[in-house]
Amino acid sequence: MDHSIWDLLNHGGGAMWVVVAFSVIALAVAIERAVAQWKFVTRARALGDTVTRCLSRGALEEGRSACERSPSPIADVFLVGYERLGRAKPEHVLTAVHRERLRVNQDLRSRLWMLGTIGATAPFVGLFGTVVGIMAAMGGFKGDEEVKFSMVSGPISEALIVTAAGILVAVEAVILFNFFSQRANRVATEMKLLTDEFLELLLEQPGDSQPTRAKKSDKSEDKTDAKADKARAKGDGDGDREAA
């Protein structure tokens, strides 16, 4: 069976082209997910340690600046907590942070469905190509022609190449799917631990160490109250002079 690559790709009525496309897509998704998850846990732990040290000594702004500079996706989770602190109830801060954490978890599983779909459908595409190839081979014999095994074995073996390729691509996709799914679960667990520790320290911060936005609003309220007190005092003084 000395065939060129072009002949092999044309087996099964074009089914081999679909199998090859599945293989390319699976490899592309694997490379993209590897880049997205590269050093995710290491960067998340490093940022978590930095933010924890800052919160332990009450340096909220320093921890927030570290999150803004960090390329780790967990920085978005921490920043939501910083933005809501002092502006919402503690339970609302918890809800907002966990909601952002779930969004990051969903991003980690992005495009993994492609690997699962390829792993489930590639063998059937290969089997379809084999059936088409066998039908084409059998249809080439004349009705009154004596068919020998050597005449049938060649076309059938060529048709089975498509099934073998489909199974190979399916095994590749399933292995990649399980690997990245397991890694995403590990990252999700690590994010849960880091987020819980972050929230514990964040919500324990005293009121006077909250972000500057909250401080500015408090100062503006104090200035408004002071102006109102001065106005009332002035009105009382004018009333006393009129009475005299």
Protein backbone atom coordinates (compact mmCIF):
# COMPACT_ATOMS: atom_id res chain seq x y z
CA MET A 1 0.00 0.00 0.00
CA ASP A 2 2.30 2.68 -1.26
CA HIS A 3 0.13 5.77 -1.19
CA SER A 4 0.93 9.42 -0.95
CA ILE A 5 -0.36 11.69 1.81
CA TRP A 6 -2.88 13.11 -0.61
CA ASP A 7 -4.30 9.65 -1.31
CA LEU A 8 -4.59 8.90 2.41
CA LEU A 9 -6.46 12.16 3.04
CA ASN A 10 -8.95 11.32 0.32
CA HIS A 11 -9.92 8.00 1.95
CA GLY A 12 -13.46 7.62 3.23
CA GLY A 13 -15.12 10.23 1.08
CA GLY A 14 -13.38 13.14 2.78
CA ALA A 15 -13.82 11.83 6.34
CA MET A 16 -10.04 11.80 6.78
CA TRP A 17 -9.99 15.56 6.23
CA VAL A 18 -12.45 15.97 9.09
CA VAL A 19 -10.32 13.76 11.35
CA VAL A 20 -7.20 15.78 10.52
CA ALA A 21 -9.10 19.01 11.22
CA PHE A 22 -10.18 17.59 14.60
CA SER A 23 -6.55 16.82 15.42
CA VAL A 24 -5.40 20.33 14.52
CA ILE A 25 -8.19 21.92 16.58
CA ALA A 26 -7.39 19.73 19.59
CA LEU A 27 -3.70 20.68 19.47
CA ALA A 28 -4.57 24.38 19.07
CA VAL A 29 -6.90 24.31 22.08
CA ALA A 30 -4.28 22.45 24.14
CA ILE A 31 -1.60 25.04 23.32
CA GLU A 32 -3.96 27.93 24.10
CA ARG A 33 -5.01 26.40 27.43
CA ALA A 34 -1.40 25.64 28.34
CA VAL A 35 -0.48 29.29 27.78
CA ALA A 36 -3.53 30.51 29.74
CA GLN A 37 -2.83 28.24 32.71
CA TRP A 38 0.96 28.61 32.62
CA LYS A 39 2.24 29.41 36.13
CA PHE A 40 -1.31 30.32 37.20
CA VAL A 41 -0.99 28.77 40.65
CA THR A 42 2.51 30.14 41.20
CA ARG A 43 1.48 33.70 40.34
CA ALA A 44 -1.72 33.43 42.37
CA ARG A 45 0.17 32.25 45.46
CA ALA A 46 2.76 35.00 45.08
CA LEU A 47 0.07 37.67 44.83
CA GLY A 48 -1.87 36.11 47.69
CA ASP A 49 1.19 36.22 49.95
CA THR A 50 1.81 39.88 49.06
CA VAL A 51 -1.78 40.92 49.69
CA THR A 52 -1.91 38.94 52.94
CA ARG A 53 1.19 40.69 54.28
CA CYS A 54 -0.23 44.07 53.32
CA LEU A 55 -3.57 43.39 54.99
CA SER A 56 -1.88 42.05 58.11
CA ARG A 57 -0.20 45.41 58.71
CA GLY A 58 -3.18 47.46 57.51
CA ALA A 59 -1.63 48.65 54.23
CA LEU A 60 -4.73 48.41 52.06
CA GLU A 61 -3.55 50.79 49.37
CA GLU A 62 -0.25 48.95 49.01
CA GLY A 63 -2.08 45.65 48.54
CA ARG A 64 -4.43 47.20 46.04
CA SER A 65 -1.52 48.59 44.04
CA ALA A 66 0.06 45.12 43.97
CA CYS A 67 -3.17 43.70 42.53
CA GLU A 68 -3.35 46.40 39.88
CA ARG A 69 0.20 45.60 38.76
CA SER A 70 -0.17 41.82 38.81
CA PRO A 71 -0.91 39.89 35.58
CA SER A 72 -2.58 37.08 37.53
CA PRO A 73 -6.36 36.71 36.94
CA ILE A 74 -6.92 36.36 40.68
CA ALA A 75 -5.97 40.04 40.98
CA ASP A 76 -9.38 40.87 39.50
CA VAL A 77 -11.00 38.92 42.33
CA PHE A 78 -9.05 40.82 44.99
CA LEU A 79 -9.75 44.18 43.35
CA VAL A 80 -13.50 43.59 43.58
CA GLY A 81 -13.10 43.21 47.34
CA TYR A 82 -11.07 46.40 47.60
CA GLU A 83 -13.62 48.36 45.56
CA ARG A 84 -16.59 47.17 47.62
CA LEU A 85 -14.94 47.58 51.02
CA GLY A 86 -16.43 50.53 52.88
CA ARG A 87 -19.10 51.02 50.22
CA ALA A 88 -21.23 47.91 50.77
CA LYS A 89 -22.25 45.56 53.55
CA PRO A 90 -19.81 42.74 54.42
CA GLU A 91 -22.16 40.10 53.05
CA HIS A 92 -22.38 42.01 49.78
CA VAL A 93 -18.59 42.16 49.61
CA LEU A 94 -18.46 38.37 50.07
CA THR A 95 -21.02 37.83 47.33
CA ALA A 96 -19.26 40.13 44.87
CA VAL A 97 -15.84 38.53 45.43
CA HIS A 98 -17.13 34.97 45.07
CA ARG A 99 -19.05 35.94 41.95
CA GLU A 100 -15.86 37.27 40.36
CA ARG A 101 -14.01 34.13 41.43
CA LEU A 102 -16.60 31.96 39.65
CA ARG A 103 -16.17 34.07 36.52
CA VAL A 104 -12.41 33.46 36.55
CA ASN A 105 -13.06 29.73 37.05
CA GLN A 106 -15.28 29.71 33.98
CA ASP A 107 -12.54 31.39 31.96
CA LEU A 108 -10.13 28.63 32.98
CA ARG A 109 -12.46 26.04 31.42
CA SER A 110 -12.96 28.02 28.25
CA ARG A 111 -12.87 25.94 25.05
CA LEU A 112 -12.43 22.65 26.90
CA TRP A 113 -15.79 21.61 25.48
CA MET A 114 -14.08 21.38 22.09
CA LEU A 115 -11.76 18.68 23.36
CA GLY A 116 -14.66 16.74 24.84
CA THR A 117 -16.65 17.00 21.63
CA ILE A 118 -13.71 15.85 19.49
CA GLY A 119 -13.04 12.94 21.82
CA ALA A 120 -16.65 11.80 21.53
CA THR A 121 -17.18 12.25 17.79
CA ALA A 122 -13.83 11.49 16.13
CA PRO A 123 -14.23 7.66 16.27
CA PHE A 124 -17.64 7.88 14.64
CA VAL A 125 -16.31 10.12 11.88
CA GLY A 126 -13.56 7.57 11.27
CA LEU A 127 -16.09 4.73 11.24
CA PHE A 128 -18.23 6.65 8.77
CA GLY A 129 -15.21 7.04 6.49
CA THR A 130 -14.49 3.33 6.73
CA VAL A 131 -18.05 2.41 5.77
CA VAL A 132 -17.95 4.78 2.82
CA GLY A 133 -14.59 3.35 1.72
CA ILE A 134 -15.83 -0.26 1.92
CA MET A 135 -18.97 0.59 -0.02
CA ALA A 136 -16.90 2.28 -2.71
CA ALA A 137 -14.55 -0.72 -2.90
CA MET A 138 -17.38 -3.24 -3.16
CA GLY A 139 -19.17 -1.19 -5.77
CA GLY A 140 -16.15 -1.42 -8.04
CA PHE A 141 -16.63 -5.14 -8.72
CA LYS A 142 -18.79 -6.40 -11.54
CA GLY A 143 -21.68 -8.70 -10.82
CA ASP A 144 -20.33 -11.66 -12.75
CA GLU A 145 -16.71 -11.17 -11.70
CA GLU A 146 -15.08 -13.70 -9.42
CA VAL A 147 -13.92 -11.88 -6.30
CA LYS A 148 -10.82 -13.12 -4.54
CA PHE A 149 -9.72 -12.25 -1.02
CA SER A 150 -6.65 -10.42 -2.30
CA MET A 151 -8.92 -8.15 -4.29
CA VAL A 152 -11.01 -7.26 -1.21
CA SER A 153 -8.35 -7.07 1.47
CA GLY A 154 -6.57 -4.09 -0.06
CA PRO A 155 -9.56 -1.71 -0.26
CA ILE A 156 -10.86 -2.77 3.14
CA SER A 157 -7.50 -2.20 4.84
CA GLU A 158 -7.28 1.21 3.21
CA ALA A 159 -10.76 2.09 4.44
CA LEU A 160 -9.87 1.03 7.99
CA ILE A 161 -7.12 3.66 8.08
CA VAL A 162 -9.79 6.31 8.60
CA THR A 163 -11.17 4.50 11.65
CA ALA A 164 -7.69 4.09 13.11
CA ALA A 165 -7.01 7.79 12.61
CA GLY A 166 -10.33 8.72 14.23
CA ILE A 167 -9.59 6.58 17.29
CA LEU A 168 -6.10 8.06 17.60
CA VAL A 169 -7.42 11.62 17.48
CA ALA A 170 -10.15 10.75 20.01
CA VAL A 171 -7.58 9.34 22.46
CA GLU A 172 -5.49 12.48 22.03
CA ALA A 173 -8.47 14.77 22.70
CA VAL A 174 -9.67 12.80 25.75
CA ILE A 175 -6.22 12.82 27.34
CA LEU A 176 -5.90 16.57 26.82
CA PHE A 177 -9.43 17.17 28.12
CA ASN A 178 -8.81 15.20 31.31
CA PHE A 179 -5.45 16.87 31.89
CA PHE A 180 -6.71 20.43 31.57
CA SER A 181 -9.92 19.67 33.47
CA GLN A 182 -7.91 18.30 36.37
CA ARG A 183 -5.63 21.30 36.26
CA ALA A 184 -8.59 23.68 36.20
CA ASN A 185 -10.04 21.93 39.28
CA ARG A 186 -6.73 22.32 41.07
CA VAL A 187 -6.57 26.01 40.19
CA ALA A 188 -10.18 26.50 41.33
CA THR A 189 -9.40 24.93 44.71
CA GLU A 190 -6.32 27.11 45.13
CA MET A 191 -8.33 30.22 44.24
CA LYS A 192 -11.00 29.28 46.78
CA LEU A 193 -8.40 29.00 49.56
CA LEU A 194 -6.67 32.27 48.63
CA THR A 195 -9.98 34.13 48.32
CA ASP A 196 -11.25 32.92 51.71
CA GLU A 197 -8.03 34.01 53.40
CA PHE A 198 -8.19 37.37 51.62
CA LEU A 199 -11.77 38.01 52.73
CA GLU A 200 -11.02 37.07 56.33
CA LEU A 201 -8.25 39.65 56.55
CA LEU A 202 -10.06 42.27 54.46
CA LEU A 203 -13.25 42.30 56.53
CA GLU A 204 -11.26 42.46 59.77
CA GLN A 205 -9.77 45.82 58.81
CA PRO A 206 -10.74 48.70 61.14
CA GLY A 207 -12.87 51.53 59.79
CA ASP A 208 -10.06 54.10 59.85
CA SER A 209 -7.90 51.98 57.52
CA GLN A 210 -10.46 51.60 54.75
CA PRO A 211 -9.68 52.87 51.23
CA THR A 212 -9.25 56.55 50.57
CA ARG A 213 -12.56 56.78 48.74
CA ALA A 214 -14.43 55.97 51.88
CA LYS A 215 -12.27 58.42 53.84
CA LYS A 216 -12.97 61.20 51.37
CA SER A 217 -16.70 60.64 51.59
CA ASP A 218 -16.51 60.73 55.40
CA LYS A 219 -14.56 63.96 55.30
CA SER A 220 -17.08 65.55 52.95
CA GLU A 221 -19.90 64.54 55.28
CA ASP A 222 -18.04 66.04 58.26
CA LYS A 223 -17.55 69.30 56.36
CA THR A 224 -21.25 69.41 55.50
CA ASP A 225 -22.21 68.85 59.16
CA ALA A 226 -19.78 71.55 60.27
CA LYS A 227 -21.28 74.05 57.81
CA ALA A 228 -24.78 73.20 59.02
CA ASP A 229 -23.73 73.75 62.66
CA LYS A 230 -22.21 77.12 61.78
CA ALA A 231 -25.38 78.15 59.98
CA ARG A 232 -27.53 77.19 62.96
CA ALA A 233 -25.21 79.04 65.35
CA LYS A 234 -25.36 82.16 63.18
CA GLY A 235 -29.15 82.00 63.06
CA ASP A 236 -29.36 81.71 66.84
CA GLY A 237 -27.07 84.74 67.25
CA ASP A 238 -29.22 86.86 64.93
CA GLY A 239 -32.32 85.86 66.83
CA ASP A 240 -30.81 86.89 70.16
CA ARG A 241 -29.85 90.33 68.80
CA GLU A 242 -33.38 90.89 67.48
CA ALA A 243 -34.85 89.93 70.83
CA ALA A 244 -32.53 92.40 72.62
